[in-house]
Amino acid sequence: MNLYASVAQLWVKTDRSAVRAFLLSLAALTVALLLALYSGAAAELGQVFLAGVSALGALLVAAWVGLTLVPVLAKRTPLRWIGYKMEYKISREGWTYITGIILVALAAMNTGNNLLFLILASLIAAIIMSGILSSLTLAGVEMRLELPEHIFAAQPVRAVVTLENEKLTLPSFSLRVEAVKTKDTPAAAILETSVYFPYLPRQDRVQQSVPVTFLRRGVHRQDAFRIVTRFPFGFLQKARRLTLKTEAIVYPSVEPTQEFLEMLPGLQGALESLVKGRGQDLYALRDYVASDSVRHVHWKASARSGSLMVREFTREDDCRVLLVLDPHISTVVTRRQGSVVLTASERFERAVSLCAALVWHFYERNALMQFRSAGVETPLAPAEEIVFFVLRHLALAQPLGPDPQHTLINDLAASPDLFKIIVTSQPRGSIPANLWHSSYVIFLDDVTR
């Protein structure tokens, strides 16, 4: 029943006109073969005229097939395999096998033993069949690589590798997928480890999940992959290259660093100090209870109602923060932090990591946040709405040259109502005095391990 269903499915997908052309060409070539055989027999009997007519008829039939039917079949033949980039490599077992073939060939030629020639032919046929079967295994196989939407540096994620077998009748065996490293691609590929697929059914797809870790932020690209097989005997490793342009944007790590943990108490203290100074808005009046402070008694309302009434104030824990990353590096000389010598780019990387940890911290606190940097400004919004936009910018951020006008810092005075966290490489004396009462400034020179 399964065989009948498979044949029926194959027949539905078949090109009927191509099948008719194939059967007609097969019949015509059979006729040409019979005419050629008859021509040879007539020549042996001395009937030259019949031999010539038969040979001419065979040539005409073969020419008719080549001019009319072969082009029809060629147009309907998928020739994608011609464009496949195949790579060949003889394995260690293959070299051992070839050495054995050479030894048997030498023995057969020296002795003239028919049995040795038969064994030699079988050995050569086996290695030819190995090449044919490996080509069939690789043909019609397509690949897809899926990465998570959000990827953080130094945090393992799961990538999904999918292989799809588009062949109608044949499965594929023993396939291995690996990344191709070239001179134009970085040393660290997206797919560091190979993925093995033991069996791929016909007209089906198989998925495997593989752990992937990106050590640095930024854009990671992989342009080519390779599908490798040693099926069936392992004598020959054959690989097919696939051009599959894959790009991953890796956010900076948001794990709290030692410098972030050391800075956090001071930051929270500055933020709470600013909030407490504003928490004076009246929310409601209610009856007095024994645990209430006398300072909160509303005496006028108490006189009108005849009982003690106390005031309730609005909650001021809806944190509003403006995070600023100043990417302008004021100097390119190295700075020494203890026994570690830091370049300008290294200090900038630490500043980006610190900003990412701050963004994630306020995201977890459900704060209202705004972000500013050179050429980038987000509106004040819940952190969950802009967190990944900011992380994407931090993933792609690069240090800029000096800004003598300090434009980004000076423009912050236009937002006096927001608590500002400023990460900058500018000297301490460059921060305007009117920003200090509502800001927490982190200087890149102070950022250490």
Protein backbone atom coordinates (compact mmCIF):
# COMPACT_ATOMS: atom_id res chain seq x y z
CA MET A 1 0.00 0.00 0.00
CA ASN A 2 2.86 2.35 0.83
CA LEU A 3 4.58 1.50 -2.46
CA TYR A 4 1.37 2.21 -4.38
CA ALA A 5 0.93 5.55 -2.59
CA SER A 6 4.51 6.52 -3.32
CA VAL A 7 4.13 5.64 -7.01
CA ALA A 8 0.85 7.57 -7.19
CA GLN A 9 2.42 10.61 -5.55
CA LEU A 10 5.38 10.42 -7.92
CA TRP A 11 3.06 10.13 -10.92
CA VAL A 12 1.07 13.21 -9.86
CA LYS A 13 4.26 15.27 -9.72
CA THR A 14 5.57 13.87 -12.99
CA ASP A 15 5.84 15.98 -16.14
CA ARG A 16 3.65 13.96 -18.55
CA SER A 17 5.03 15.51 -21.74
CA ALA A 18 8.59 14.83 -20.58
CA VAL A 19 7.71 11.19 -19.87
CA ARG A 20 6.20 10.82 -23.34
CA ALA A 21 9.30 12.35 -24.92
CA PHE A 22 11.54 10.01 -22.92
CA LEU A 23 9.57 6.89 -23.89
CA LEU A 24 9.46 7.95 -27.53
CA SER A 25 13.22 8.58 -27.59
CA LEU A 26 13.82 5.21 -25.93
CA ALA A 27 11.72 3.44 -28.58
CA ALA A 28 13.39 5.35 -31.42
CA LEU A 29 16.88 4.54 -30.12
CA THR A 30 15.86 0.87 -29.83
CA VAL A 31 14.85 0.93 -33.49
CA ALA A 32 18.18 2.59 -34.37
CA LEU A 33 20.05 -0.12 -32.44
CA LEU A 34 18.18 -2.89 -34.27
CA LEU A 35 18.90 -1.26 -37.63
CA ALA A 36 22.59 -0.99 -36.71
CA LEU A 37 22.69 -4.68 -35.74
CA TYR A 38 20.91 -5.65 -38.97
CA SER A 39 23.40 -3.53 -40.94
CA GLY A 40 26.29 -5.44 -39.39
CA ALA A 41 24.67 -8.81 -40.11
CA ALA A 42 23.93 -7.81 -43.74
CA ALA A 43 27.53 -6.72 -44.24
CA GLU A 44 28.72 -10.12 -43.00
CA LEU A 45 26.43 -11.83 -45.58
CA GLY A 46 27.77 -9.67 -48.40
CA GLN A 47 24.53 -7.66 -48.90
CA VAL A 48 26.20 -4.30 -49.15
CA PHE A 49 23.15 -2.37 -50.28
CA LEU A 50 20.96 -3.54 -47.38
CA ALA A 51 23.81 -2.91 -44.95
CA GLY A 52 24.22 0.66 -46.18
CA VAL A 53 20.48 1.39 -46.10
CA SER A 54 20.17 -0.02 -42.56
CA ALA A 55 23.18 1.94 -41.32
CA LEU A 56 21.83 5.13 -42.90
CA GLY A 57 18.40 4.52 -41.31
CA ALA A 58 20.00 4.02 -37.89
CA LEU A 59 21.90 7.29 -38.25
CA LEU A 60 18.78 9.18 -39.36
CA VAL A 61 16.72 7.87 -36.43
CA ALA A 62 19.49 8.75 -33.95
CA ALA A 63 19.84 12.21 -35.50
CA TRP A 64 16.09 12.78 -35.26
CA VAL A 65 16.13 11.88 -31.57
CA GLY A 66 19.09 14.19 -30.94
CA LEU A 67 17.53 17.14 -32.77
CA THR A 68 13.92 16.89 -31.58
CA LEU A 69 13.56 14.91 -28.36
CA VAL A 70 16.83 15.57 -26.52
CA PRO A 71 16.27 19.39 -26.35
CA VAL A 72 12.78 18.80 -24.92
CA LEU A 73 14.19 16.58 -22.20
CA ALA A 74 17.10 18.92 -21.50
CA LYS A 75 14.76 21.86 -20.84
CA ARG A 76 12.95 19.85 -18.18
CA THR A 77 16.05 18.49 -16.48
CA PRO A 78 17.10 20.26 -13.24
CA LEU A 79 20.76 21.10 -13.70
CA ARG A 80 21.36 22.80 -10.35
CA TRP A 81 23.98 20.20 -9.51
CA ILE A 82 26.25 21.71 -12.19
CA GLY A 83 26.64 24.82 -10.03
CA TYR A 84 27.48 22.89 -6.88
CA LYS A 85 30.93 23.64 -5.52
CA MET A 86 32.29 20.20 -4.69
CA GLU A 87 35.44 19.66 -2.67
CA TYR A 88 37.24 16.32 -2.60
CA LYS A 89 39.64 14.89 -0.08
CA ILE A 90 40.96 11.35 0.11
CA SER A 91 40.87 10.03 3.65
CA ARG A 92 43.59 7.99 5.31
CA GLU A 93 41.53 4.86 4.72
CA GLY A 94 41.17 5.88 1.09
CA TRP A 95 44.94 6.17 0.62
CA THR A 96 45.34 2.72 2.16
CA TYR A 97 42.72 1.37 -0.23
CA ILE A 98 44.38 3.01 -3.26
CA THR A 99 47.72 1.52 -2.20
CA GLY A 100 46.08 -1.91 -2.15
CA ILE A 101 44.66 -1.31 -5.64
CA ILE A 102 48.15 -0.44 -6.94
CA LEU A 103 49.63 -3.58 -5.40
CA VAL A 104 46.90 -5.79 -6.89
CA ALA A 105 47.33 -4.11 -10.29
CA LEU A 106 51.07 -4.75 -10.26
CA ALA A 107 50.52 -8.38 -9.28
CA ALA A 108 47.90 -8.85 -12.00
CA MET A 109 50.13 -7.39 -14.73
CA ASN A 110 53.13 -9.43 -13.63
CA THR A 111 51.31 -12.76 -13.39
CA GLY A 112 48.54 -12.35 -15.96
CA ASN A 113 46.16 -14.08 -13.54
CA ASN A 114 42.53 -13.53 -14.57
CA LEU A 115 41.36 -13.81 -10.96
CA LEU A 116 43.60 -10.90 -9.96
CA PHE A 117 42.21 -8.83 -12.84
CA LEU A 118 38.69 -9.64 -11.62
CA ILE A 119 39.60 -8.55 -8.07
CA LEU A 120 41.21 -5.38 -9.44
CA ALA A 121 38.06 -4.54 -11.40
CA SER A 122 35.93 -5.04 -8.26
CA LEU A 123 38.19 -2.78 -6.20
CA ILE A 124 38.08 -0.01 -8.82
CA ALA A 125 34.31 -0.37 -9.14
CA ALA A 126 33.94 0.01 -5.36
CA ILE A 127 35.82 3.31 -5.27
CA ILE A 128 33.87 4.59 -8.31
CA MET A 129 30.59 3.65 -6.65
CA SER A 130 31.79 5.43 -3.49
CA GLY A 131 32.17 8.67 -5.46
CA ILE A 132 28.79 8.28 -7.16
CA LEU A 133 26.90 7.49 -3.94
CA SER A 134 28.51 10.38 -2.06
CA SER A 135 27.49 12.76 -4.87
CA LEU A 136 23.92 11.45 -4.71
CA THR A 137 23.93 11.90 -0.94
CA LEU A 138 24.94 15.57 -1.22
CA ALA A 139 22.67 16.40 -4.16
CA GLY A 140 19.35 18.07 -3.41
CA VAL A 141 20.20 18.90 0.21
CA GLU A 142 19.55 22.46 1.38
CA MET A 143 20.49 24.06 4.69
CA ARG A 144 19.05 26.76 6.95
CA LEU A 145 20.53 28.25 10.15
CA GLU A 146 18.25 30.00 12.64
CA LEU A 147 19.59 32.12 15.51
CA PRO A 148 17.68 33.63 18.46
CA GLU A 149 16.39 37.16 18.07
CA HIS A 150 18.33 38.49 21.06
CA ILE A 151 21.93 37.36 21.68
CA PHE A 152 24.20 38.57 24.49
CA ALA A 153 27.97 38.35 24.54
CA ALA A 154 29.46 35.48 26.56
CA GLN A 155 26.01 33.94 27.06
CA PRO A 156 25.31 30.56 25.40
CA VAL A 157 22.32 30.42 23.05
CA ARG A 158 20.78 27.64 20.99
CA ALA A 159 21.05 27.79 17.20
CA VAL A 160 18.89 25.53 15.03
CA VAL A 161 20.45 23.88 11.97
CA THR A 162 17.94 22.50 9.48
CA LEU A 163 18.73 20.20 6.56
CA GLU A 164 16.07 19.55 3.91
CA ASN A 165 16.27 16.74 1.38
CA GLU A 166 14.52 17.78 -1.83
CA LYS A 167 15.18 14.51 -3.69
CA LEU A 168 12.03 12.63 -4.73
CA THR A 169 13.25 9.09 -4.20
CA LEU A 170 16.60 8.88 -2.40
CA PRO A 171 17.50 9.61 1.24
CA SER A 172 20.84 10.99 2.37
CA PHE A 173 23.18 9.46 4.90
CA SER A 174 25.98 10.59 7.22
CA LEU A 175 26.01 14.36 6.65
CA ARG A 176 28.05 16.84 8.65
CA VAL A 177 27.51 20.62 8.57
CA GLU A 178 30.39 22.97 9.37
CA ALA A 179 31.29 26.63 8.82
CA VAL A 180 33.76 27.65 6.11
CA LYS A 181 36.58 29.88 7.30
CA THR A 182 38.19 31.98 4.59
CA LYS A 183 40.58 34.91 4.48
CA ASP A 184 37.65 37.31 4.19
CA THR A 185 35.85 36.01 7.28
CA PRO A 186 36.96 36.46 10.89
CA ALA A 187 38.73 33.67 12.71
CA ALA A 188 35.70 33.07 14.95
CA ALA A 189 32.87 31.58 12.89
CA ILE A 190 29.20 31.58 13.91
CA LEU A 191 29.11 27.77 13.92
CA GLU A 192 32.24 26.73 15.77
CA THR A 193 31.36 23.03 16.10
CA SER A 194 30.17 20.73 13.33
CA VAL A 195 26.66 19.25 13.40
CA TYR A 196 26.15 15.61 12.42
CA PHE A 197 23.03 14.23 10.71
CA PRO A 198 23.11 10.41 10.45
CA TYR A 199 20.00 10.09 8.26
CA LEU A 200 17.93 12.51 6.17
CA PRO A 201 14.75 11.00 4.66
CA ARG A 202 13.63 11.87 1.15
CA GLN A 203 11.47 14.99 0.82
CA ASP A 204 11.82 15.63 4.52
CA ARG A 205 13.71 17.92 6.88
CA VAL A 206 15.66 17.28 10.06
CA GLN A 207 16.59 19.83 12.73
CA GLN A 208 19.29 19.85 15.36
CA SER A 209 19.90 22.36 18.14
CA VAL A 210 23.51 23.31 18.83
CA PRO A 211 24.94 25.63 21.55
CA VAL A 212 26.61 28.80 20.26
CA THR A 213 28.55 31.40 22.28
CA PHE A 214 29.74 34.79 21.03
CA LEU A 215 32.54 36.24 23.12
CA ARG A 216 32.41 39.82 21.80
CA ARG A 217 29.66 42.29 21.01
CA GLY A 218 29.04 43.54 17.48
CA VAL A 219 28.08 42.05 14.13
CA HIS A 220 29.14 38.46 13.45
CA ARG A 221 28.86 37.26 9.84
CA GLN A 222 29.21 33.89 8.17
CA ASP A 223 28.92 33.74 4.38
CA ALA A 224 29.53 30.08 3.57
CA PHE A 225 28.90 26.66 5.06
CA ARG A 226 29.95 23.18 4.02
CA ILE A 227 28.01 19.91 3.96
CA VAL A 228 30.45 17.01 4.25
CA THR A 229 29.96 13.27 3.85
CA ARG A 230 32.17 10.18 3.85
CA PHE A 231 29.34 7.87 2.84
CA PRO A 232 29.40 4.97 2.03
CA PHE A 233 32.88 3.50 2.65
CA GLY A 234 34.85 6.43 4.07
CA PHE A 235 37.46 6.30 1.28
CA LEU A 236 36.58 9.77 0.00
CA GLN A 237 35.47 12.85 1.92
CA LYS A 238 33.30 14.93 -0.36
CA ALA A 239 32.00 18.37 0.59
CA ARG A 240 29.54 20.77 -1.01
CA ARG A 241 29.79 24.49 -0.29
CA LEU A 242 26.65 26.53 0.31
CA THR A 243 26.54 30.32 0.12
CA LEU A 244 24.30 31.15 3.06
CA LYS A 245 24.88 34.68 4.29
CA THR A 246 24.12 34.72 8.02
CA GLU A 247 24.38 37.73 10.31
CA ALA A 248 24.06 37.94 14.08
CA ILE A 249 24.01 41.15 16.12
CA VAL A 250 25.41 40.41 19.55
CA TYR A 251 24.50 42.72 22.44
CA PRO A 252 27.07 43.56 25.12
CA SER A 253 27.00 41.40 28.20
CA VAL A 254 24.48 42.62 30.79
CA GLU A 255 25.95 40.60 33.64
CA PRO A 256 26.87 42.85 36.60
CA THR A 257 30.63 43.39 36.66
CA GLN A 258 32.69 44.15 39.74
CA GLU A 259 32.90 47.82 38.80
CA PHE A 260 29.11 47.95 38.38
CA LEU A 261 28.52 46.40 41.81
CA GLU A 262 30.95 48.88 43.37
CA MET A 263 29.22 51.80 41.68
CA LEU A 264 25.61 50.70 42.35
CA PRO A 265 25.29 51.82 46.02
CA GLY A 266 26.43 55.34 45.19
CA LEU A 267 24.11 55.47 42.18
CA GLN A 268 21.10 54.31 44.19
CA GLY A 269 21.90 56.78 46.94
CA ALA A 270 22.04 59.69 44.48
CA LEU A 271 18.81 58.59 42.84
CA GLU A 272 16.92 58.16 46.13
CA SER A 273 18.15 61.54 47.34
CA LEU A 274 16.71 63.23 44.28
CA VAL A 275 13.40 61.34 44.53
CA LYS A 276 12.89 62.09 48.24
CA GLY A 277 13.27 65.77 47.57
CA ARG A 278 10.28 65.67 45.23
CA GLY A 279 7.95 63.34 47.11
CA GLN A 280 5.57 66.00 48.47
CA ASP A 281 2.50 65.63 46.24
CA LEU A 282 -0.75 65.00 48.15
CA TYR A 283 -2.50 61.78 47.18
CA ALA A 284 -5.47 61.43 49.64
CA LEU A 285 -6.77 61.95 53.19
CA ARG A 286 -7.67 59.12 55.55
CA ASP A 287 -8.46 58.50 59.22
CA TYR A 288 -5.61 58.58 61.72
CA VAL A 289 -4.22 55.29 63.11
CA ALA A 290 -1.87 54.84 66.05
CA SER A 291 1.17 54.12 63.83
CA ASP A 292 0.88 57.42 61.90
CA SER A 293 3.27 60.29 62.52
CA VAL A 294 1.84 63.47 63.98
CA ARG A 295 3.66 65.40 61.24
CA HIS A 296 1.22 64.00 58.66
CA VAL A 297 -1.94 65.15 60.48
CA HIS A 298 -4.05 67.52 58.35
CA TRP A 299 -5.37 69.87 61.05
CA LYS A 300 -7.84 71.80 58.91
CA ALA A 301 -9.50 68.65 57.61
CA SER A 302 -9.51 67.25 61.17
CA ALA A 303 -11.29 70.37 62.46
CA ARG A 304 -13.95 70.12 59.77
CA SER A 305 -14.61 66.41 60.25
CA GLY A 306 -14.28 66.32 64.00
CA SER A 307 -11.71 63.47 63.92
CA LEU A 308 -8.02 63.27 63.19
CA MET A 309 -7.19 63.00 59.46
CA VAL A 310 -3.74 62.30 57.99
CA ARG A 311 -2.25 62.98 54.57
CA GLU A 312 -1.06 60.30 52.09
CA PHE A 313 1.53 61.23 49.49
CA THR A 314 2.11 59.96 45.97
CA ARG A 315 4.61 57.15 45.56
CA GLU A 316 7.84 58.32 44.00
CA ASP A 317 9.31 54.95 43.11
CA ASP A 318 8.54 55.34 39.37
CA CYS A 319 12.21 55.91 38.58
CA ARG A 320 12.91 58.30 35.69
CA VAL A 321 16.42 58.05 34.29
CA LEU A 322 18.31 59.59 31.38
CA LEU A 323 21.29 57.39 30.46
CA VAL A 324 23.99 59.13 28.40
CA LEU A 325 26.94 57.51 26.66
CA ASP A 326 29.48 60.03 25.43
CA PRO A 327 31.46 58.14 22.72
CA HIS A 328 33.93 60.98 22.13
CA ILE A 329 37.35 59.78 23.29
CA SER A 330 39.39 62.75 24.46
CA THR A 331 42.77 61.02 24.11
CA VAL A 332 44.27 58.00 22.40
CA VAL A 333 47.09 57.42 24.84
CA THR A 334 46.98 54.42 27.10
CA ARG A 335 46.10 54.70 30.75
CA ARG A 336 47.51 52.53 33.51
CA GLN A 337 45.05 51.07 36.04
CA GLY A 338 47.17 49.38 38.64
CA SER A 339 49.24 46.81 36.78
CA VAL A 340 46.99 46.86 33.70
CA VAL A 341 47.63 49.16 30.74
CA LEU A 342 44.38 50.19 29.05
CA THR A 343 44.06 51.58 25.54
CA ALA A 344 41.31 54.01 24.57
CA SER A 345 39.37 51.26 22.78
CA GLU A 346 39.56 48.98 25.83
CA ARG A 347 38.24 51.71 28.08
CA PHE A 348 35.42 52.36 25.62
CA GLU A 349 34.49 48.66 25.59
CA ARG A 350 34.23 48.69 29.36
CA ALA A 351 32.08 51.81 29.21
CA VAL A 352 29.73 50.10 26.73
CA SER A 353 29.49 47.03 28.98
CA LEU A 354 28.73 49.29 31.95
CA CYS A 355 25.97 51.06 30.00
CA ALA A 356 24.48 47.72 29.01
CA ALA A 357 24.42 46.58 32.64
CA LEU A 358 22.73 49.87 33.63
CA VAL A 359 20.12 49.53 30.89
CA TRP A 360 19.29 46.00 32.03
CA HIS A 361 19.20 47.08 35.68
CA PHE A 362 16.59 49.76 35.02
CA TYR A 363 14.69 47.39 32.74
CA GLU A 364 14.36 44.96 35.65
CA ARG A 365 13.20 47.83 37.88
CA ASN A 366 10.43 48.78 35.37
CA ALA A 367 11.83 52.31 35.26
CA LEU A 368 11.03 55.06 32.81
CA MET A 369 14.19 55.54 30.78
CA GLN A 370 15.62 57.71 28.06
CA PHE A 371 18.90 57.11 26.23
CA ARG A 372 21.18 59.56 24.46
CA SER A 373 24.42 59.24 22.57
CA ALA A 374 26.01 60.81 19.52
CA GLY A 375 23.27 60.92 16.88
CA VAL A 376 20.86 58.77 18.94
CA GLU A 377 18.07 59.86 21.26
CA THR A 378 15.09 57.84 22.43
CA PRO A 379 11.92 59.27 23.96
CA LEU A 380 11.22 58.82 27.67
CA ALA A 381 9.37 55.51 27.84
CA PRO A 382 9.10 52.35 29.94
CA ALA A 383 12.44 50.58 29.78
CA GLU A 384 10.86 47.41 28.40
CA GLU A 385 9.86 49.30 25.25
CA ILE A 386 13.31 50.62 24.36
CA VAL A 387 15.73 48.21 26.06
CA PHE A 388 16.55 46.17 22.94
CA PHE A 389 16.83 49.26 20.75
CA VAL A 390 19.40 50.67 23.17
CA LEU A 391 21.24 47.33 23.41
CA ARG A 392 21.36 47.14 19.62
CA HIS A 393 22.94 50.59 19.49
CA LEU A 394 25.45 49.59 22.15
CA ALA A 395 26.26 46.44 20.15
CA LEU A 396 27.23 48.58 17.15
CA ALA A 397 28.68 51.62 18.97
CA GLN A 398 32.20 52.74 18.07
CA PRO A 399 34.39 55.38 19.73
CA LEU A 400 34.49 58.79 18.07
CA GLY A 401 37.13 61.49 17.95
CA PRO A 402 37.40 64.39 20.43
CA ASP A 403 34.55 66.90 20.69
CA PRO A 404 36.03 70.22 21.89
CA GLN A 405 32.57 71.82 22.16
CA HIS A 406 31.21 69.06 24.46
CA THR A 407 27.90 69.36 22.58
CA LEU A 408 26.31 66.22 23.96
CA ILE A 409 27.09 67.10 27.59
CA ASN A 410 26.02 70.74 27.30
CA ASP A 411 22.65 69.78 25.77
CA LEU A 412 21.76 67.80 28.90
CA ALA A 413 20.92 71.01 30.74
CA ALA A 414 17.66 71.06 28.76
CA SER A 415 16.40 68.07 30.83
CA PRO A 416 16.53 69.30 34.45
CA ASP A 417 13.68 67.04 35.62
CA LEU A 418 15.40 63.73 34.77
CA PHE A 419 18.06 62.03 36.84
CA LYS A 420 21.01 61.69 34.49
CA ILE A 421 23.67 58.97 34.45
CA ILE A 422 26.54 60.18 32.26
CA VAL A 423 29.32 57.90 31.04
CA THR A 424 32.04 60.05 29.49
CA SER A 425 35.76 60.26 28.83
CA GLN A 426 35.84 64.04 29.24
CA PRO A 427 37.93 65.53 32.08
CA ARG A 428 36.20 66.28 35.36
CA GLY A 429 36.28 70.02 34.88
CA SER A 430 34.28 69.83 31.64
CA ILE A 431 30.95 68.93 33.30
CA PRO A 432 28.73 72.06 33.76
CA ALA A 433 27.98 72.92 37.38
CA ASN A 434 24.22 72.95 36.81
CA LEU A 435 24.29 69.22 35.96
CA TRP A 436 25.91 67.97 39.15
CA HIS A 437 22.82 68.29 41.38
CA SER A 438 20.76 65.97 39.12
CA SER A 439 23.44 63.74 37.62
CA TYR A 440 25.70 60.84 38.43
CA VAL A 441 28.84 61.06 36.27
CA ILE A 442 31.03 58.05 35.46
CA PHE A 443 34.38 58.97 33.95
CA LEU A 444 35.96 56.40 31.62
CA ASP A 445 39.32 56.94 33.28
CA ASP A 446 37.80 55.57 36.50
CA VAL A 447 36.41 52.43 34.84
CA THR A 448 38.62 49.51 35.87
CA ARG A 449 38.31 45.77 36.00
